[in-house]
Amino acid sequence: MKLERMLAIVMLLLQRSKVRGKDLAEMFEVSLRTIYRDIESINAAGIPITTSSGVGGGIRIMEQYKLNKGLFTTDDMIAMLTGLGIMQSTFSGKEVSNALVKLKSFVSEDQFHAMNMKTNQMMVDLTSWIGVNDSDAVIQSIQLALEKMYTLAFSYYNRKGNEQLQGVEPQRLVFKASHWYVQAYLPQTQNYRLFKLRKMYAVRVEDTPFTQRIAPHPFSDFTNQMRARTFPIKLLINSSALNRMLDYCTMDHITDLGDEQYQVNLPFIDDDYGFSILMSFGSSLRCVEPEHVRLELMHRMEKAIQQYTRNVP
């Protein structure tokens, strides 16, 4: 894993005055190009690493930085330990666990207790509530493709039906609103797409290499489109629906009317997903306005009732 390798490179350079890029590539069983990409990422994180070629050349951390500034502050270490803890809750394998152990060994015994208390004040668990995280195998395939920079082939099911895709260039894994996605570039259509991991199956890493691209923000266009379509609707709910309604808005959107009744001003998009949310509340919810949303909700409920009233062979 890239993060584990980068941490190991930094630790190694702290112990040695310099290391050859070729030796690092052999040590981590990756290409020399991958090592230099790691060095660029470490530099971008604020740790000044220099490289030199020729006799006596190699990769090193600037001595002045090591002696005068120190590598990580306590807050830096807490941030990294927290981030690795989040990754450990999602990604299987020993790499993250090893990185956690190595990173903790960086701090003195005096600092460790205070840091341990702070890191334990927050916990993030991205695994599913029920059963095993069914995206594990897909995530591992995507991680391998990202690491090797190989294309992916997979089947994908969406509202338009089933797609068979090949030669897909994965750019990054993205976690958004309780779901994992992979942002990828499609050379055939020359555009970027987001694929929800739960809808991907028969995922296969191909042996076709690709060159890393500068991917746009994965959600900027979609977010702008959704914001433009969002408008408030007024709902009445009873107390039995309040707890679930807080999954979709905050108490700032809710007014207590007394007698276990609440008014909700809900940000809403009038598509299938939006109406499915309203219908899921059943008789605990009533749409007050706007009129077109109330009428459409009634129409959809009538169609649902027809599924039970018509004769089925």
C-alpha atoms as a PDB file:
ATOM      1  CA  MET A   1       0.000   0.000   0.000  1.00  0.00           C
ATOM      2  CA  LYS A   2       1.283   3.447  -0.911  1.00  0.00           C
ATOM      3  CA  LEU A   3       0.810   4.996   2.556  1.00  0.00           C
ATOM      4  CA  GLU A   4       2.646   2.149   4.279  1.00  0.00           C
ATOM      5  CA  ARG A   5       5.493   2.398   1.786  1.00  0.00           C
ATOM      6  CA  MET A   6       5.807   6.178   2.149  1.00  0.00           C
ATOM      7  CA  LEU A   7       5.956   5.945   5.943  1.00  0.00           C
ATOM      8  CA  ALA A   8       8.605   3.238   5.676  1.00  0.00           C
ATOM      9  CA  ILE A   9      10.659   5.409   3.282  1.00  0.00           C
ATOM     10  CA  VAL A  10      10.539   8.360   5.702  1.00  0.00           C
ATOM     11  CA  MET A  11      11.557   6.166   8.654  1.00  0.00           C
ATOM     12  CA  LEU A  12      14.401   4.648   6.648  1.00  0.00           C
ATOM     13  CA  LEU A  13      15.702   8.076   5.599  1.00  0.00           C
ATOM     14  CA  LEU A  14      15.655   9.220   9.234  1.00  0.00           C
ATOM     15  CA  GLN A  15      17.991   6.359  10.118  1.00  0.00           C
ATOM     16  CA  ARG A  16      20.315   6.646   7.108  1.00  0.00           C
ATOM     17  CA  SER A  17      22.010   9.647   5.555  1.00  0.00           C
ATOM     18  CA  LYS A  18      20.924   8.590   2.053  1.00  0.00           C
ATOM     19  CA  VAL A  19      19.477   5.667   0.121  1.00  0.00           C
ATOM     20  CA  ARG A  20      19.632   4.887  -3.577  1.00  0.00           C
ATOM     21  CA  GLY A  21      16.341   4.896  -5.457  1.00  0.00           C
ATOM     22  CA  LYS A  22      17.203   1.536  -7.001  1.00  0.00           C
ATOM     23  CA  ASP A  23      17.649   0.018  -3.530  1.00  0.00           C
ATOM     24  CA  LEU A  24      14.240   1.350  -2.417  1.00  0.00           C
ATOM     25  CA  ALA A  25      12.604  -0.048  -5.557  1.00  0.00           C
ATOM     26  CA  GLU A  26      14.095  -3.482  -4.886  1.00  0.00           C
ATOM     27  CA  MET A  27      13.228  -3.327  -1.181  1.00  0.00           C
ATOM     28  CA  PHE A  28       9.536  -2.570  -1.807  1.00  0.00           C
ATOM     29  CA  GLU A  29       9.298  -4.585  -5.043  1.00  0.00           C
ATOM     30  CA  VAL A  30       8.008  -1.663  -7.101  1.00  0.00           C
ATOM     31  CA  SER A  31       9.346   0.258 -10.068  1.00  0.00           C
ATOM     32  CA  LEU A  32      11.829   3.114  -9.740  1.00  0.00           C
ATOM     33  CA  ARG A  33       9.160   5.394 -11.214  1.00  0.00           C
ATOM     34  CA  THR A  34       6.813   4.454  -8.334  1.00  0.00           C
ATOM     35  CA  ILE A  35       9.513   5.319  -5.780  1.00  0.00           C
ATOM     36  CA  TYR A  36      10.007   8.760  -7.302  1.00  0.00           C
ATOM     37  CA  ARG A  37       6.233   9.348  -7.295  1.00  0.00           C
ATOM     38  CA  ASP A  38       6.278   8.500  -3.578  1.00  0.00           C
ATOM     39  CA  ILE A  39       9.123  10.987  -3.043  1.00  0.00           C
ATOM     40  CA  GLU A  40       7.067  13.695  -4.794  1.00  0.00           C
ATOM     41  CA  SER A  41       4.086  12.928  -2.511  1.00  0.00           C
ATOM     42  CA  ILE A  42       6.290  13.093   0.610  1.00  0.00           C
ATOM     43  CA  ASN A  43       7.691  16.433  -0.537  1.00  0.00           C
ATOM     44  CA  ALA A  44       4.161  17.703  -1.154  1.00  0.00           C
ATOM     45  CA  ALA A  45       3.310  16.760   2.449  1.00  0.00           C
ATOM     46  CA  GLY A  46       6.004  19.183   3.676  1.00  0.00           C
ATOM     47  CA  ILE A  47       8.919  16.837   4.335  1.00  0.00           C
ATOM     48  CA  PRO A  48      11.874  18.120   2.250  1.00  0.00           C
ATOM     49  CA  ILE A  49      13.574  15.221   0.476  1.00  0.00           C
ATOM     50  CA  THR A  50      16.366  15.834  -2.001  1.00  0.00           C
ATOM     51  CA  THR A  51      17.666  13.552  -4.751  1.00  0.00           C
ATOM     52  CA  SER A  52      21.025  13.580  -6.489  1.00  0.00           C
ATOM     53  CA  SER A  53      22.478  11.447  -9.265  1.00  0.00           C
ATOM     54  CA  GLY A  54      25.925  10.156 -10.076  1.00  0.00           C
ATOM     55  CA  VAL A  55      28.602   8.735  -7.794  1.00  0.00           C
ATOM     56  CA  GLY A  56      27.672   9.345  -4.169  1.00  0.00           C
ATOM     57  CA  GLY A  57      24.141  10.353  -5.136  1.00  0.00           C
ATOM     58  CA  GLY A  58      20.907   9.153  -3.608  1.00  0.00           C
ATOM     59  CA  ILE A  59      17.763  10.180  -1.755  1.00  0.00           C
ATOM     60  CA  ARG A  60      17.931  11.948   1.604  1.00  0.00           C
ATOM     61  CA  ILE A  61      15.994  14.135   4.047  1.00  0.00           C
ATOM     62  CA  MET A  62      17.572  17.578   4.399  1.00  0.00           C
ATOM     63  CA  GLU A  63      19.833  17.534   7.466  1.00  0.00           C
ATOM     64  CA  GLN A  64      18.811  21.023   8.579  1.00  0.00           C
ATOM     65  CA  TYR A  65      15.170  19.929   8.621  1.00  0.00           C
ATOM     66  CA  LYS A  66      15.933  16.861  10.721  1.00  0.00           C
ATOM     67  CA  LEU A  67      18.099  18.702  13.235  1.00  0.00           C
ATOM     68  CA  ASN A  68      16.284  21.996  13.684  1.00  0.00           C
ATOM     69  CA  LYS A  69      12.660  21.394  12.905  1.00  0.00           C
ATOM     70  CA  GLY A  70      12.002  17.790  13.772  1.00  0.00           C
ATOM     71  CA  LEU A  71       9.905  15.553  11.587  1.00  0.00           C
ATOM     72  CA  PHE A  72       6.436  15.443  13.161  1.00  0.00           C
ATOM     73  CA  THR A  73       4.752  17.494  15.870  1.00  0.00           C
ATOM     74  CA  THR A  74       2.479  15.812  18.403  1.00  0.00           C
ATOM     75  CA  ASP A  75      -0.575  17.090  16.501  1.00  0.00           C
ATOM     76  CA  ASP A  76       0.885  15.696  13.257  1.00  0.00           C
ATOM     77  CA  MET A  77       1.248  12.283  14.885  1.00  0.00           C
ATOM     78  CA  ILE A  78      -2.293  12.365  16.293  1.00  0.00           C
ATOM     79  CA  ALA A  79      -3.683  13.244  12.849  1.00  0.00           C
ATOM     80  CA  MET A  80      -1.774  10.403  11.193  1.00  0.00           C
ATOM     81  CA  LEU A  81      -2.706   7.864  13.863  1.00  0.00           C
ATOM     82  CA  THR A  82      -6.371   8.855  13.572  1.00  0.00           C
ATOM     83  CA  GLY A  83      -6.246   8.619   9.789  1.00  0.00           C
ATOM     84  CA  LEU A  84      -4.622   5.184   9.910  1.00  0.00           C
ATOM     85  CA  GLY A  85      -7.229   4.063  12.444  1.00  0.00           C
ATOM     86  CA  ILE A  86      -9.972   5.046   9.995  1.00  0.00           C
ATOM     87  CA  MET A  87      -8.237   3.130   7.209  1.00  0.00           C
ATOM     88  CA  GLN A  88      -7.852   0.092   9.456  1.00  0.00           C
ATOM     89  CA  SER A  89     -11.646  -0.008   9.926  1.00  0.00           C
ATOM     90  CA  THR A  90     -12.102  -0.328   6.163  1.00  0.00           C
ATOM     91  CA  PHE A  91      -9.121  -1.995   4.524  1.00  0.00           C
ATOM     92  CA  SER A  92      -8.085  -5.505   5.382  1.00  0.00           C
ATOM     93  CA  GLY A  93      -4.489  -6.677   5.408  1.00  0.00           C
ATOM     94  CA  LYS A  94      -1.462  -6.180   7.619  1.00  0.00           C
ATOM     95  CA  GLU A  95      -0.084  -3.041   5.946  1.00  0.00           C
ATOM     96  CA  VAL A  96      -2.165  -0.539   7.913  1.00  0.00           C
ATOM     97  CA  SER A  97      -1.614  -2.383  11.198  1.00  0.00           C
ATOM     98  CA  ASN A  98       2.143  -2.405  10.597  1.00  0.00           C
ATOM     99  CA  ALA A  99       2.086   1.310   9.784  1.00  0.00           C
ATOM    100  CA  LEU A 100       0.225   2.029  13.034  1.00  0.00           C
ATOM    101  CA  VAL A 101       2.792   0.096  15.073  1.00  0.00           C
ATOM    102  CA  LYS A 102       5.727   1.799  13.352  1.00  0.00           C
ATOM    103  CA  LEU A 103       4.223   5.255  13.698  1.00  0.00           C
ATOM    104  CA  LYS A 104       3.546   4.784  17.409  1.00  0.00           C
ATOM    105  CA  SER A 105       7.179   3.767  17.879  1.00  0.00           C
ATOM    106  CA  PHE A 106       8.160   7.277  16.719  1.00  0.00           C
ATOM    107  CA  VAL A 107       6.930   8.939  19.903  1.00  0.00           C
ATOM    108  CA  SER A 108       8.563   8.964  23.297  1.00  0.00           C
ATOM    109  CA  GLU A 109       7.050   7.106  26.240  1.00  0.00           C
ATOM    110  CA  ASP A 110       6.116  10.437  27.849  1.00  0.00           C
ATOM    111  CA  GLN A 111       4.129  11.524  24.781  1.00  0.00           C
ATOM    112  CA  PHE A 112       2.487   8.191  24.128  1.00  0.00           C
ATOM    113  CA  HIS A 113      -0.082   8.263  26.964  1.00  0.00           C
ATOM    114  CA  ALA A 114      -1.357  11.752  26.116  1.00  0.00           C
ATOM    115  CA  MET A 115      -1.511  10.940  22.408  1.00  0.00           C
ATOM    116  CA  ASN A 116      -3.291   7.666  23.075  1.00  0.00           C
ATOM    117  CA  MET A 117      -5.970   9.485  25.073  1.00  0.00           C
ATOM    118  CA  LYS A 118      -6.534  12.028  22.293  1.00  0.00           C
ATOM    119  CA  THR A 119      -6.722   9.460  19.501  1.00  0.00           C
ATOM    120  CA  ASN A 120      -9.235   7.431  21.533  1.00  0.00           C
ATOM    121  CA  GLN A 121     -11.540  10.458  21.769  1.00  0.00           C
ATOM    122  CA  MET A 122     -12.697   9.864  18.203  1.00  0.00           C
ATOM    123  CA  MET A 123     -13.559   6.641  16.411  1.00  0.00           C
ATOM    124  CA  VAL A 124     -14.657   6.191  12.818  1.00  0.00           C
ATOM    125  CA  ASP A 125     -15.890   2.788  11.653  1.00  0.00           C
ATOM    126  CA  LEU A 126     -16.786   2.599   7.961  1.00  0.00           C
ATOM    127  CA  THR A 127     -17.760  -1.066   7.962  1.00  0.00           C
ATOM    128  CA  SER A 128     -21.337  -2.180   7.411  1.00  0.00           C
ATOM    129  CA  TRP A 129     -23.729  -2.764  10.356  1.00  0.00           C
ATOM    130  CA  ILE A 130     -24.859  -6.189   9.212  1.00  0.00           C
ATOM    131  CA  GLY A 131     -22.564  -8.988   8.074  1.00  0.00           C
ATOM    132  CA  VAL A 132     -19.268  -8.563   6.297  1.00  0.00           C
ATOM    133  CA  ASN A 133     -18.373  -5.517   4.271  1.00  0.00           C
ATOM    134  CA  ASP A 134     -19.382  -6.857   0.846  1.00  0.00           C
ATOM    135  CA  SER A 135     -17.170  -4.307  -0.927  1.00  0.00           C
ATOM    136  CA  ASP A 136     -13.949  -5.766   0.496  1.00  0.00           C
ATOM    137  CA  ALA A 137     -13.041  -7.854  -2.553  1.00  0.00           C
ATOM    138  CA  VAL A 138     -13.872  -5.006  -4.949  1.00  0.00           C
ATOM    139  CA  ILE A 139     -11.809  -2.509  -2.901  1.00  0.00           C
ATOM    140  CA  GLN A 140      -8.841  -4.879  -2.904  1.00  0.00           C
ATOM    141  CA  SER A 141      -9.015  -5.265  -6.696  1.00  0.00           C
ATOM    142  CA  ILE A 142      -9.211  -1.494  -7.160  1.00  0.00           C
ATOM    143  CA  GLN A 143      -6.310  -0.951  -4.737  1.00  0.00           C
ATOM    144  CA  LEU A 144      -4.209  -3.407  -6.725  1.00  0.00           C
ATOM    145  CA  ALA A 145      -5.107  -1.677 -10.001  1.00  0.00           C
ATOM    146  CA  LEU A 146      -4.245   1.730  -8.518  1.00  0.00           C
ATOM    147  CA  GLU A 147      -0.954   0.423  -7.132  1.00  0.00           C
ATOM    148  CA  LYS A 148       0.119  -1.257 -10.379  1.00  0.00           C
ATOM    149  CA  MET A 149      -1.597   1.376 -12.564  1.00  0.00           C
ATOM    150  CA  TYR A 150      -3.423  -1.328 -14.510  1.00  0.00           C
ATOM    151  CA  THR A 151      -6.868  -1.000 -16.057  1.00  0.00           C
ATOM    152  CA  LEU A 152     -10.020  -2.687 -14.733  1.00  0.00           C
ATOM    153  CA  ALA A 153     -12.776  -4.727 -16.344  1.00  0.00           C
ATOM    154  CA  PHE A 154     -16.099  -5.210 -14.557  1.00  0.00           C
ATOM    155  CA  SER A 155     -19.860  -5.437 -14.861  1.00  0.00           C
ATOM    156  CA  TYR A 156     -21.913  -2.524 -13.572  1.00  0.00           C
ATOM    157  CA  TYR A 157     -25.624  -2.304 -12.870  1.00  0.00           C
ATOM    158  CA  ASN A 158     -27.377   1.062 -12.837  1.00  0.00           C
ATOM    159  CA  ARG A 159     -30.763   2.537 -13.749  1.00  0.00           C
ATOM    160  CA  LYS A 160     -30.108   1.941 -17.446  1.00  0.00           C
ATOM    161  CA  GLY A 161     -29.400  -1.746 -16.873  1.00  0.00           C
ATOM    162  CA  ASN A 162     -26.250  -3.812 -16.961  1.00  0.00           C
ATOM    163  CA  GLU A 163     -23.002  -2.533 -18.489  1.00  0.00           C
ATOM    164  CA  GLN A 164     -19.883  -4.465 -19.415  1.00  0.00           C
ATOM    165  CA  LEU A 165     -16.805  -2.256 -19.153  1.00  0.00           C
ATOM    166  CA  GLN A 166     -13.179  -2.861 -20.095  1.00  0.00           C
ATOM    167  CA  GLY A 167     -10.044  -0.750 -20.128  1.00  0.00           C
ATOM    168  CA  VAL A 168     -11.286   1.435 -17.270  1.00  0.00           C
ATOM    169  CA  GLU A 169      -8.520   3.539 -15.670  1.00  0.00           C
ATOM    170  CA  PRO A 170      -9.141   3.890 -11.901  1.00  0.00           C
ATOM    171  CA  GLN A 171      -8.007   7.248 -10.504  1.00  0.00           C
ATOM    172  CA  ARG A 172      -9.054   7.212  -6.847  1.00  0.00           C
ATOM    173  CA  LEU A 173     -11.282   5.592  -4.237  1.00  0.00           C
ATOM    174  CA  VAL A 174     -13.887   7.979  -2.807  1.00  0.00           C
ATOM    175  CA  PHE A 175     -16.067   7.658   0.292  1.00  0.00           C
ATOM    176  CA  LYS A 176     -19.198   9.813   0.242  1.00  0.00           C
ATOM    177  CA  ALA A 177     -22.427   9.679   2.283  1.00  0.00           C
ATOM    178  CA  SER A 178     -21.899   6.114   3.571  1.00  0.00           C
ATOM    179  CA  HIS A 179     -20.925   4.665   0.163  1.00  0.00           C
ATOM    180  CA  TRP A 180     -17.646   3.822  -1.558  1.00  0.00           C
ATOM    181  CA  TYR A 181     -17.064   4.896  -5.166  1.00  0.00           C
ATOM    182  CA  VAL A 182     -14.210   4.646  -7.617  1.00  0.00           C
ATOM    183  CA  GLN A 183     -13.550   7.623  -9.865  1.00  0.00           C
ATOM    184  CA  ALA A 184     -12.261   6.389 -13.198  1.00  0.00           C
ATOM    185  CA  TYR A 185     -11.357   7.584 -16.657  1.00  0.00           C
ATOM    186  CA  LEU A 186     -12.922   5.850 -19.675  1.00  0.00           C
ATOM    187  CA  PRO A 187     -10.629   6.129 -22.723  1.00  0.00           C
ATOM    188  CA  GLN A 188     -13.434   4.971 -25.065  1.00  0.00           C
ATOM    189  CA  THR A 189     -15.648   7.959 -24.216  1.00  0.00           C
ATOM    190  CA  GLN A 190     -12.820  10.219 -22.970  1.00  0.00           C
ATOM    191  CA  ASN A 191     -14.633  11.217 -19.797  1.00  0.00           C
ATOM    192  CA  TYR A 192     -14.568  10.586 -16.041  1.00  0.00           C
ATOM    193  CA  ARG A 193     -17.227   8.591 -14.226  1.00  0.00           C
ATOM    194  CA  LEU A 194     -18.045   7.570 -10.675  1.00  0.00           C
ATOM    195  CA  PHE A 195     -18.921   3.938 -10.043  1.00  0.00           C
ATOM    196  CA  LYS A 196     -20.573   2.849  -6.796  1.00  0.00           C
ATOM    197  CA  LEU A 197     -18.721  -0.202  -5.504  1.00  0.00           C
ATOM    198  CA  ARG A 198     -21.906  -1.983  -4.418  1.00  0.00           C
ATOM    199  CA  LYS A 199     -23.047  -2.021  -8.056  1.00  0.00           C
ATOM    200  CA  MET A 200     -19.776  -3.418  -9.412  1.00  0.00           C
ATOM    201  CA  TYR A 201     -19.270  -7.154  -9.803  1.00  0.00           C
ATOM    202  CA  ALA A 202     -17.014  -9.597 -11.671  1.00  0.00           C
ATOM    203  CA  VAL A 203     -14.195  -7.090 -11.139  1.00  0.00           C
ATOM    204  CA  ARG A 204     -10.948  -8.076 -12.832  1.00  0.00           C
ATOM    205  CA  VAL A 205      -7.552  -6.340 -12.915  1.00  0.00           C
ATOM    206  CA  GLU A 206      -6.282  -6.316 -16.492  1.00  0.00           C
ATOM    207  CA  ASP A 207      -2.619  -6.394 -17.491  1.00  0.00           C
ATOM    208  CA  THR A 208      -2.861  -3.146 -19.455  1.00  0.00           C
ATOM    209  CA  PRO A 209      -0.887  -0.252 -17.911  1.00  0.00           C
ATOM    210  CA  PHE A 210      -2.108   3.331 -17.998  1.00  0.00           C
ATOM    211  CA  THR A 211      -0.678   6.759 -17.164  1.00  0.00           C
ATOM    212  CA  GLN A 212      -1.943   8.641 -14.111  1.00  0.00           C
ATOM    213  CA  ARG A 213      -4.188  11.598 -14.961  1.00  0.00           C
ATOM    214  CA  ILE A 214      -5.117  14.730 -13.023  1.00  0.00           C
ATOM    215  CA  ALA A 215      -8.706  13.863 -12.164  1.00  0.00           C
ATOM    216  CA  PRO A 216     -11.285  16.601 -11.518  1.00  0.00           C
ATOM    217  CA  HIS A 217     -13.150  16.815  -8.218  1.00  0.00           C
ATOM    218  CA  PRO A 218     -15.346  13.705  -8.182  1.00  0.00           C
ATOM    219  CA  PHE A 219     -18.584  15.372  -7.082  1.00  0.00           C
ATOM    220  CA  SER A 220     -18.397  19.042  -8.084  1.00  0.00           C
ATOM    221  CA  ASP A 221     -20.657  18.844 -11.169  1.00  0.00           C
ATOM    222  CA  PHE A 222     -23.108  16.449  -9.525  1.00  0.00           C
ATOM    223  CA  THR A 223     -23.287  18.548  -6.337  1.00  0.00           C
ATOM    224  CA  ASN A 224     -23.991  21.727  -8.303  1.00  0.00           C
ATOM    225  CA  GLN A 225     -26.716  19.981 -10.288  1.00  0.00           C
ATOM    226  CA  MET A 226     -28.357  18.603  -7.137  1.00  0.00           C
ATOM    227  CA  ARG A 227     -28.237  21.974  -5.382  1.00  0.00           C
ATOM    228  CA  ALA A 228     -29.925  23.594  -8.355  1.00  0.00           C
ATOM    229  CA  ARG A 229     -32.734  21.016  -8.185  1.00  0.00           C
ATOM    230  CA  THR A 230     -33.260  21.169  -4.415  1.00  0.00           C
ATOM    231  CA  PHE A 231     -36.239  23.050  -2.965  1.00  0.00           C
ATOM    232  CA  PRO A 232     -37.986  22.977   0.457  1.00  0.00           C
ATOM    233  CA  ILE A 233     -41.207  21.052   1.078  1.00  0.00           C
ATOM    234  CA  LYS A 234     -43.426  21.192   4.159  1.00  0.00           C
ATOM    235  CA  LEU A 235     -44.290  17.928   5.906  1.00  0.00           C
ATOM    236  CA  LEU A 236     -46.247  16.891   8.981  1.00  0.00           C
ATOM    237  CA  ILE A 237     -44.962  13.875  10.890  1.00  0.00           C
ATOM    238  CA  ASN A 238     -45.844  12.233  14.171  1.00  0.00           C
ATOM    239  CA  SER A 239     -43.394  11.440  16.941  1.00  0.00           C
ATOM    240  CA  SER A 240     -42.817   7.863  15.739  1.00  0.00           C
ATOM    241  CA  ALA A 241     -41.201   9.224  12.549  1.00  0.00           C
ATOM    242  CA  LEU A 242     -38.996  11.866  14.189  1.00  0.00           C
ATOM    243  CA  ASN A 243     -35.989   9.644  14.794  1.00  0.00           C
ATOM    244  CA  ARG A 244     -35.884   8.476  11.158  1.00  0.00           C
ATOM    245  CA  MET A 245     -36.488  11.962   9.803  1.00  0.00           C
ATOM    246  CA  LEU A 246     -33.265  13.081  11.510  1.00  0.00           C
ATOM    247  CA  ASP A 247     -31.405  10.887   9.007  1.00  0.00           C
ATOM    248  CA  TYR A 248     -32.401  13.392   6.315  1.00  0.00           C
ATOM    249  CA  CYS A 249     -32.318  16.757   8.100  1.00  0.00           C
ATOM    250  CA  THR A 250     -31.466  18.343  11.462  1.00  0.00           C
ATOM    251  CA  MET A 251     -33.621  19.677  14.303  1.00  0.00           C
ATOM    252  CA  ASP A 252     -33.155  23.152  12.780  1.00  0.00           C
ATOM    253  CA  HIS A 253     -35.595  22.025  10.072  1.00  0.00           C
ATOM    254  CA  ILE A 254     -38.178  20.709  12.545  1.00  0.00           C
ATOM    255  CA  THR A 255     -40.808  22.546  14.630  1.00  0.00           C
ATOM    256  CA  ASP A 256     -42.607  20.911  17.551  1.00  0.00           C
ATOM    257  CA  LEU A 257     -46.367  21.559  17.140  1.00  0.00           C
ATOM    258  CA  GLY A 258     -47.375  19.738  20.310  1.00  0.00           C
ATOM    259  CA  ASP A 259     -49.540  16.624  20.679  1.00  0.00           C
ATOM    260  CA  GLU A 260     -46.626  14.583  19.297  1.00  0.00           C
ATOM    261  CA  GLN A 261     -46.858  16.346  15.914  1.00  0.00           C
ATOM    262  CA  TYR A 262     -43.948  17.998  14.102  1.00  0.00           C
ATOM    263  CA  GLN A 263     -43.616  20.226  11.067  1.00  0.00           C
ATOM    264  CA  VAL A 264     -40.614  19.553   8.840  1.00  0.00           C
ATOM    265  CA  ASN A 265     -39.156  21.898   6.225  1.00  0.00           C
ATOM    266  CA  LEU A 266     -37.245  19.301   4.233  1.00  0.00           C
ATOM    267  CA  PRO A 267     -34.755  20.021   1.404  1.00  0.00           C
ATOM    268  CA  PHE A 268     -36.146  17.867  -1.401  1.00  0.00           C
ATOM    269  CA  ILE A 269     -35.457  16.732  -4.978  1.00  0.00           C
ATOM    270  CA  ASP A 270     -38.524  15.472  -6.827  1.00  0.00           C
ATOM    271  CA  ASP A 271     -37.105  12.307  -8.357  1.00  0.00           C
ATOM    272  CA  ASP A 272     -37.686   8.606  -7.720  1.00  0.00           C
ATOM    273  CA  TYR A 273     -35.231   8.567  -4.835  1.00  0.00           C
ATOM    274  CA  GLY A 274     -36.820  11.579  -3.143  1.00  0.00           C
ATOM    275  CA  PHE A 275     -40.347  10.175  -3.396  1.00  0.00           C
ATOM    276  CA  SER A 276     -39.176   6.746  -2.210  1.00  0.00           C
ATOM    277  CA  ILE A 277     -37.921   8.417   0.989  1.00  0.00           C
ATOM    278  CA  LEU A 278     -41.300  10.066   1.616  1.00  0.00           C
ATOM    279  CA  MET A 279     -43.219   6.854   0.859  1.00  0.00           C
ATOM    280  CA  SER A 280     -41.034   4.876   3.256  1.00  0.00           C
ATOM    281  CA  PHE A 281     -42.594   6.789   6.180  1.00  0.00           C
ATOM    282  CA  GLY A 282     -46.040   5.411   5.368  1.00  0.00           C
ATOM    283  CA  SER A 283     -48.892   6.838   7.431  1.00  0.00           C
ATOM    284  CA  SER A 284     -46.458   8.628   9.781  1.00  0.00           C
ATOM    285  CA  LEU A 285     -45.945  11.417   7.249  1.00  0.00           C
ATOM    286  CA  ARG A 286     -48.178  13.811   5.315  1.00  0.00           C
ATOM    287  CA  CYS A 287     -47.003  16.242   2.661  1.00  0.00           C
ATOM    288  CA  VAL A 288     -48.601  19.674   3.076  1.00  0.00           C
ATOM    289  CA  GLU A 289     -46.976  21.666   0.271  1.00  0.00           C
ATOM    290  CA  PRO A 290     -46.130  22.318  -2.478  1.00  0.00           C
ATOM    291  CA  GLU A 291     -49.218  20.992  -4.206  1.00  0.00           C
ATOM    292  CA  HIS A 292     -47.449  19.222  -7.081  1.00  0.00           C
ATOM    293  CA  VAL A 293     -45.315  17.180  -4.668  1.00  0.00           C
ATOM    294  CA  ARG A 294     -48.368  16.222  -2.592  1.00  0.00           C
ATOM    295  CA  LEU A 295     -50.307  15.132  -5.695  1.00  0.00           C
ATOM    296  CA  GLU A 296     -47.380  13.152  -7.111  1.00  0.00           C
ATOM    297  CA  LEU A 297     -46.914  11.407  -3.759  1.00  0.00           C
ATOM    298  CA  MET A 298     -50.622  10.459  -3.729  1.00  0.00           C
ATOM    299  CA  HIS A 299     -50.343   9.172  -7.307  1.00  0.00           C
ATOM    300  CA  ARG A 300     -47.366   6.968  -6.475  1.00  0.00           C
ATOM    301  CA  MET A 301     -49.109   5.584  -3.390  1.00  0.00           C
ATOM    302  CA  GLU A 302     -52.198   4.732  -5.445  1.00  0.00           C
ATOM    303  CA  LYS A 303     -50.014   2.852  -7.937  1.00  0.00           C
ATOM    304  CA  ALA A 304     -48.402   0.958  -5.079  1.00  0.00           C
ATOM    305  CA  ILE A 305     -51.832  -0.029  -3.696  1.00  0.00           C
ATOM    306  CA  GLN A 306     -52.851  -1.285  -7.143  1.00  0.00           C
ATOM    307  CA  GLN A 307     -50.036  -3.817  -6.953  1.00  0.00           C
ATOM    308  CA  TYR A 308     -51.963  -5.485  -4.120  1.00  0.00           C
ATOM    309  CA  THR A 309     -55.561  -5.011  -5.345  1.00  0.00           C
ATOM    310  CA  ARG A 310     -55.304  -6.249  -8.932  1.00  0.00           C
ATOM    311  CA  ASN A 311     -55.667  -9.938  -9.725  1.00  0.00           C
ATOM    312  CA  VAL A 312     -52.307 -11.616  -9.994  1.00  0.00           C
ATOM    313  CA  PRO A 313     -52.181 -15.029 -11.772  1.00  0.00           C
END
